[in-house]
Structures are given as C-alpha cells and as structure tokens.
Protein backbone atom coordinates (compact mmCIF):
# COMPACT_ATOMS: atom_id res chain seq x y z
CA LEU A 1 24.03 95.63 -36.20
CA ALA A 2 21.69 98.20 -37.60
CA GLU A 3 20.85 101.72 -36.45
CA THR A 4 17.76 103.73 -37.27
CA LYS A 5 17.80 107.50 -37.77
CA ASN A 6 16.48 107.81 -34.18
CA ALA A 7 19.61 106.04 -32.85
CA CYS A 8 17.83 102.75 -32.12
CA TRP A 9 20.07 99.72 -32.45
CA ASP A 10 19.13 96.18 -33.38
CA SER A 11 20.83 92.99 -34.50
CA THR A 12 19.86 89.64 -35.91
CA GLU A 13 21.56 86.43 -36.96
CA GLN A 14 20.69 83.34 -38.93
CA VAL A 15 22.59 80.09 -39.23
CA LEU A 16 22.99 78.81 -42.78
CA LYS A 17 23.95 75.21 -43.36
CA VAL A 18 25.80 74.67 -46.62
CA TYR A 19 25.86 71.09 -47.84
CA PRO A 20 28.37 69.89 -50.42
CA VAL A 21 27.07 69.04 -53.87
CA LEU A 22 26.69 65.30 -54.38
CA ARG A 23 29.10 64.05 -57.01
CA PHE A 24 28.08 60.64 -58.27
CA PHE A 25 29.00 58.57 -61.35
CA ILE A 26 28.05 55.09 -62.55
CA PRO A 27 29.96 53.84 -65.61
CA THR A 28 28.05 52.22 -68.47
CA ALA A 29 30.66 49.51 -69.12
CA PHE A 30 33.81 47.92 -67.72
CA SER A 31 36.43 45.40 -68.83
CA PRO A 32 37.29 42.89 -66.07
CA ASN A 33 40.37 41.47 -67.79
CA ASP A 34 42.94 42.27 -65.06
CA ASN A 35 44.86 44.78 -67.19
CA GLY A 36 44.55 47.51 -64.54
CA SER A 37 42.16 49.69 -66.54
CA ASN A 38 38.39 49.69 -65.86
CA ASP A 39 38.59 46.25 -64.22
CA THR A 40 35.82 46.87 -61.67
CA PHE A 41 32.28 48.20 -61.86
CA GLY A 42 30.36 50.26 -59.37
CA PRO A 43 29.39 53.79 -58.45
CA LYS A 44 32.01 56.38 -57.67
CA GLY A 45 31.39 59.61 -55.87
CA LYS A 46 32.10 62.17 -53.21
CA TYR A 47 29.96 63.44 -50.37
CA PHE A 48 27.80 60.33 -50.58
CA ASP A 49 25.83 59.26 -47.50
CA ASP A 50 26.51 55.54 -47.40
CA LYS A 51 24.63 54.71 -44.18
CA SER A 52 21.83 52.91 -46.04
CA TYR A 53 23.68 51.98 -49.24
CA GLN A 54 22.95 48.70 -51.07
CA PHE A 55 24.33 47.70 -54.48
CA HIS A 56 23.16 44.56 -56.31
CA ILE A 57 24.16 43.12 -59.70
CA PHE A 58 21.89 40.54 -61.37
CA ASN A 59 22.49 38.68 -64.63
CA ARG A 60 19.88 38.58 -67.39
CA TRP A 61 18.21 35.52 -65.78
CA GLY A 62 17.79 37.22 -62.42
CA GLU A 63 20.63 35.41 -60.65
CA LEU A 64 22.37 37.54 -58.02
CA MET A 65 25.98 38.00 -59.12
CA PHE A 66 27.19 40.55 -56.57
CA GLU A 67 25.93 42.52 -53.61
CA THR A 68 27.49 44.89 -51.13
CA GLN A 69 26.64 47.52 -48.56
CA ASP A 70 30.11 49.08 -48.80
CA PHE A 71 30.07 52.08 -51.16
CA TYR A 72 33.76 51.61 -51.93
CA GLU A 73 33.55 47.90 -52.84
CA GLN A 74 33.43 47.39 -56.60
CA TRP A 75 32.34 44.36 -58.66
CA ASP A 76 35.18 42.57 -60.46
CA GLY A 77 32.95 40.56 -62.83
CA ARG A 78 33.00 37.35 -60.79
CA LYS A 79 30.08 35.52 -59.21
CA GLN A 80 30.22 36.38 -55.55
CA LYS A 81 29.16 32.99 -54.23
CA ASP A 82 31.70 30.80 -56.08
CA ASP A 83 34.24 33.36 -57.43
CA SER A 84 33.86 32.08 -61.01
CA LYS A 85 34.17 34.47 -63.95
CA SER A 86 30.93 35.68 -65.47
CA PRO A 87 30.37 34.89 -69.17
CA LEU A 88 30.83 37.67 -71.71
CA GLY A 89 27.84 39.75 -72.64
C-alpha cells in the first residue's frame, strides 16, 4: 500500500517466478572396472528437465554403444546390444 500526501491510497502486486539454477556436470573420463569408483559415465545434475532428454554414446567408428532417455541411467562401458565390454581407449 502507498499513500500520497493528499491521503490517496493505492496498491499493486506482481508475481515473480524464481527458477532454481541448473546444476549440470559431465565427467571427462571414467574407469568401468567394477571397483565401485567412477564405474559409470553420464551427466549428473539437479533441477534438470528430463522430459525430452536423450543420451547417446558412439565409438570412434560411429557404432552406437549406448543410448537412453532416462537422465539417471549411466553407461557402464558395455555395448548395449550384446552386453560385451568395450575395448580400452
């Protein structure tokens, strides 16, 4: 509320939407050796809108190794279609 010197009153309001800051991280390396440390690869984050999320991993020859639409699913270094381990490098 506000009042002028002539005793006139007025009010106003405005809705402010505050969105959380996107926190997002993609590691540059991982070690899929089943030792419990850095065994999977994929993005990690908070406040991420995963409604249209797609994550694909290709090898150097263009072969699809892994794909998901689940933000929380991580790649474990295996070929998705036959579950074989990927070669080093």
